[in-house]
N, C-alpha and C. Protein backbone atom coordinates (compact mmCIF):
# COMPACT_ATOMS: atom_id res chain seq x y z
N MET A 1 96.50 97.76 28.90
CA MET A 1 96.58 98.14 30.28
C MET A 1 95.16 98.18 30.86
N VAL A 2 95.02 97.66 32.05
CA VAL A 2 93.73 97.65 32.72
C VAL A 2 93.86 98.46 34.00
N LEU A 3 92.95 99.40 34.18
CA LEU A 3 92.94 100.21 35.40
C LEU A 3 91.79 99.77 36.28
N GLU A 4 92.02 99.71 37.54
CA GLU A 4 90.98 99.37 38.49
C GLU A 4 90.55 100.64 39.22
N PHE A 5 89.26 100.88 39.28
CA PHE A 5 88.72 102.06 39.94
C PHE A 5 87.73 101.64 41.01
N SER A 6 87.69 102.41 42.07
CA SER A 6 86.65 102.19 43.08
C SER A 6 85.34 102.75 42.53
N GLN A 7 84.25 102.38 43.16
CA GLN A 7 82.93 102.88 42.73
C GLN A 7 82.90 104.41 42.81
N GLN A 8 83.50 104.97 43.84
CA GLN A 8 83.54 106.42 44.00
C GLN A 8 84.34 107.07 42.86
N GLN A 9 85.45 106.48 42.48
CA GLN A 9 86.25 107.01 41.38
C GLN A 9 85.50 106.94 40.05
N ILE A 10 84.74 105.87 39.85
CA ILE A 10 83.96 105.73 38.63
C ILE A 10 82.89 106.82 38.55
N HIS A 11 82.23 107.09 39.65
CA HIS A 11 81.21 108.14 39.67
C HIS A 11 81.83 109.52 39.44
N LEU A 12 82.99 109.75 40.03
CA LEU A 12 83.69 111.01 39.81
C LEU A 12 84.12 111.15 38.36
N LEU A 13 84.65 110.09 37.79
CA LEU A 13 85.04 110.11 36.38
C LEU A 13 83.84 110.40 35.49
N HIS A 14 82.71 109.79 35.79
CA HIS A 14 81.50 110.03 35.01
C HIS A 14 81.09 111.50 35.07
N ALA A 15 81.15 112.09 36.26
CA ALA A 15 80.78 113.50 36.43
C ALA A 15 81.73 114.41 35.66
N VAL A 16 83.02 114.11 35.72
CA VAL A 16 84.01 114.92 35.01
C VAL A 16 83.82 114.81 33.50
N LEU A 17 83.55 113.62 33.03
CA LEU A 17 83.31 113.43 31.60
C LEU A 17 82.07 114.20 31.14
N ALA A 18 81.02 114.20 31.95
CA ALA A 18 79.80 114.93 31.60
C ALA A 18 80.08 116.43 31.54
N GLU A 19 80.82 116.95 32.50
CA GLU A 19 81.17 118.38 32.48
C GLU A 19 82.02 118.71 31.26
N SER A 20 82.97 117.85 30.95
CA SER A 20 83.84 118.08 29.80
C SER A 20 83.05 118.06 28.49
N ALA A 21 82.11 117.14 28.39
CA ALA A 21 81.28 117.05 27.19
C ALA A 21 80.43 118.31 27.03
N ASP A 22 79.88 118.80 28.13
CA ASP A 22 79.09 120.04 28.07
C ASP A 22 79.95 121.21 27.63
N ALA A 23 81.14 121.33 28.18
CA ALA A 23 82.04 122.43 27.83
C ALA A 23 82.46 122.33 26.36
N LEU A 24 82.75 121.14 25.91
CA LEU A 24 83.15 120.94 24.53
C LEU A 24 82.01 121.25 23.58
N ARG A 25 80.81 120.84 23.94
CA ARG A 25 79.63 121.14 23.12
C ARG A 25 79.42 122.65 23.00
N ASP A 26 79.60 123.37 24.11
CA ASP A 26 79.49 124.83 24.09
C ASP A 26 80.55 125.44 23.18
N GLU A 27 81.76 124.90 23.23
CA GLU A 27 82.85 125.41 22.39
C GLU A 27 82.55 125.18 20.91
N ILE A 28 81.95 124.05 20.60
CA ILE A 28 81.58 123.75 19.21
C ILE A 28 80.59 124.80 18.70
N VAL A 29 79.62 125.14 19.53
CA VAL A 29 78.60 126.13 19.14
C VAL A 29 79.23 127.51 18.92
N ARG A 30 80.20 127.87 19.77
CA ARG A 30 80.81 129.20 19.67
C ARG A 30 81.85 129.33 18.58
N THR A 31 82.38 128.20 18.12
CA THR A 31 83.46 128.22 17.14
C THR A 31 82.91 128.50 15.75
N ASP A 32 83.51 129.48 15.08
CA ASP A 32 83.04 129.82 13.74
C ASP A 32 83.93 129.26 12.63
N LYS A 33 85.03 128.61 12.99
CA LYS A 33 85.92 128.02 11.98
C LYS A 33 85.51 126.56 11.77
N LEU A 34 85.13 126.25 10.55
CA LEU A 34 84.61 124.93 10.22
C LEU A 34 85.59 123.81 10.55
N GLU A 35 86.86 124.00 10.19
CA GLU A 35 87.86 122.95 10.41
C GLU A 35 88.01 122.66 11.92
N LEU A 36 88.07 123.70 12.72
CA LEU A 36 88.17 123.52 14.17
C LEU A 36 86.91 122.88 14.72
N ARG A 37 85.76 123.29 14.23
CA ARG A 37 84.49 122.73 14.69
C ARG A 37 84.43 121.23 14.42
N GLU A 38 84.89 120.82 13.24
CA GLU A 38 84.88 119.39 12.90
C GLU A 38 85.81 118.60 13.81
N GLU A 39 86.98 119.15 14.14
CA GLU A 39 87.90 118.48 15.05
C GLU A 39 87.28 118.37 16.45
N LEU A 40 86.64 119.44 16.91
CA LEU A 40 86.00 119.41 18.22
C LEU A 40 84.87 118.38 18.25
N LYS A 41 84.14 118.25 17.15
CA LYS A 41 83.07 117.25 17.09
C LYS A 41 83.64 115.83 17.17
N ARG A 42 84.78 115.59 16.51
CA ARG A 42 85.42 114.27 16.60
C ARG A 42 85.84 113.98 18.04
N ARG A 43 86.38 114.98 18.69
CA ARG A 43 86.80 114.79 20.08
C ARG A 43 85.59 114.55 21.00
N LEU A 44 84.50 115.24 20.73
CA LEU A 44 83.28 115.05 21.51
C LEU A 44 82.76 113.63 21.32
N ASP A 45 82.79 113.15 20.10
CA ASP A 45 82.36 111.77 19.84
C ASP A 45 83.22 110.78 20.64
N GLN A 46 84.53 111.00 20.67
CA GLN A 46 85.42 110.13 21.44
C GLN A 46 85.09 110.20 22.93
N LEU A 47 84.82 111.39 23.40
CA LEU A 47 84.47 111.58 24.81
C LEU A 47 83.19 110.84 25.15
N TRP A 48 82.20 110.88 24.26
CA TRP A 48 80.95 110.17 24.49
C TRP A 48 81.15 108.66 24.53
N VAL A 49 82.06 108.15 23.71
CA VAL A 49 82.36 106.71 23.72
C VAL A 49 82.91 106.32 25.10
N ILE A 50 83.84 107.11 25.60
CA ILE A 50 84.41 106.84 26.92
C ILE A 50 83.34 106.94 27.99
N GLN A 51 82.49 107.95 27.88
CA GLN A 51 81.43 108.14 28.87
C GLN A 51 80.47 106.94 28.89
N ARG A 52 80.12 106.42 27.72
CA ARG A 52 79.25 105.24 27.66
C ARG A 52 79.93 104.03 28.30
N GLN A 53 81.24 103.89 28.11
CA GLN A 53 81.97 102.79 28.73
C GLN A 53 81.94 102.91 30.26
N VAL A 54 82.11 104.13 30.75
CA VAL A 54 82.07 104.36 32.19
C VAL A 54 80.67 104.07 32.72
N GLU A 55 79.64 104.51 32.00
CA GLU A 55 78.26 104.24 32.42
C GLU A 55 77.99 102.74 32.47
N SER A 56 78.50 102.03 31.50
CA SER A 56 78.34 100.58 31.48
C SER A 56 79.01 99.96 32.71
N ARG A 57 80.17 100.45 33.03
CA ARG A 57 80.89 99.95 34.22
C ARG A 57 80.12 100.29 35.49
N MET A 58 79.51 101.47 35.54
CA MET A 58 78.73 101.86 36.71
C MET A 58 77.59 100.88 36.93
N HIS A 59 76.92 100.50 35.86
CA HIS A 59 75.77 99.59 35.96
C HIS A 59 76.21 98.18 36.34
N GLN A 60 77.39 97.76 35.89
CA GLN A 60 77.91 96.44 36.23
C GLN A 60 78.27 96.35 37.70
N GLU A 61 78.74 97.44 38.25
CA GLU A 61 79.23 97.46 39.63
C GLU A 61 78.11 97.61 40.66
N GLN A 62 76.91 97.99 40.22
CA GLN A 62 75.82 98.21 41.18
C GLN A 62 75.38 96.88 41.78
N PRO A 63 75.19 96.85 43.10
CA PRO A 63 74.71 95.61 43.73
C PRO A 63 73.27 95.32 43.29
N ALA A 64 72.95 94.06 43.21
CA ALA A 64 71.60 93.65 42.81
C ALA A 64 70.61 94.04 43.91
N ALA A 65 69.42 94.45 43.49
CA ALA A 65 68.35 94.81 44.44
C ALA A 65 67.79 93.54 45.05
N LEU A 66 67.44 93.62 46.30
CA LEU A 66 66.88 92.45 46.99
C LEU A 66 65.39 92.40 46.85
């Protein structure tokens, strides 16, 4: 499935992903259960992969400088 996003939606998605990553990172630090911490780290890694994909899309969509 391919989703089409406007430039504004891509920027919003990027901001939401950054906030989510920050919140998840904070939760990892506060969690004292090793098993839960490892699961949260896996989810954070997945989130970062998506965030890098969105960043790549942001750079592709930028108009060339004159």
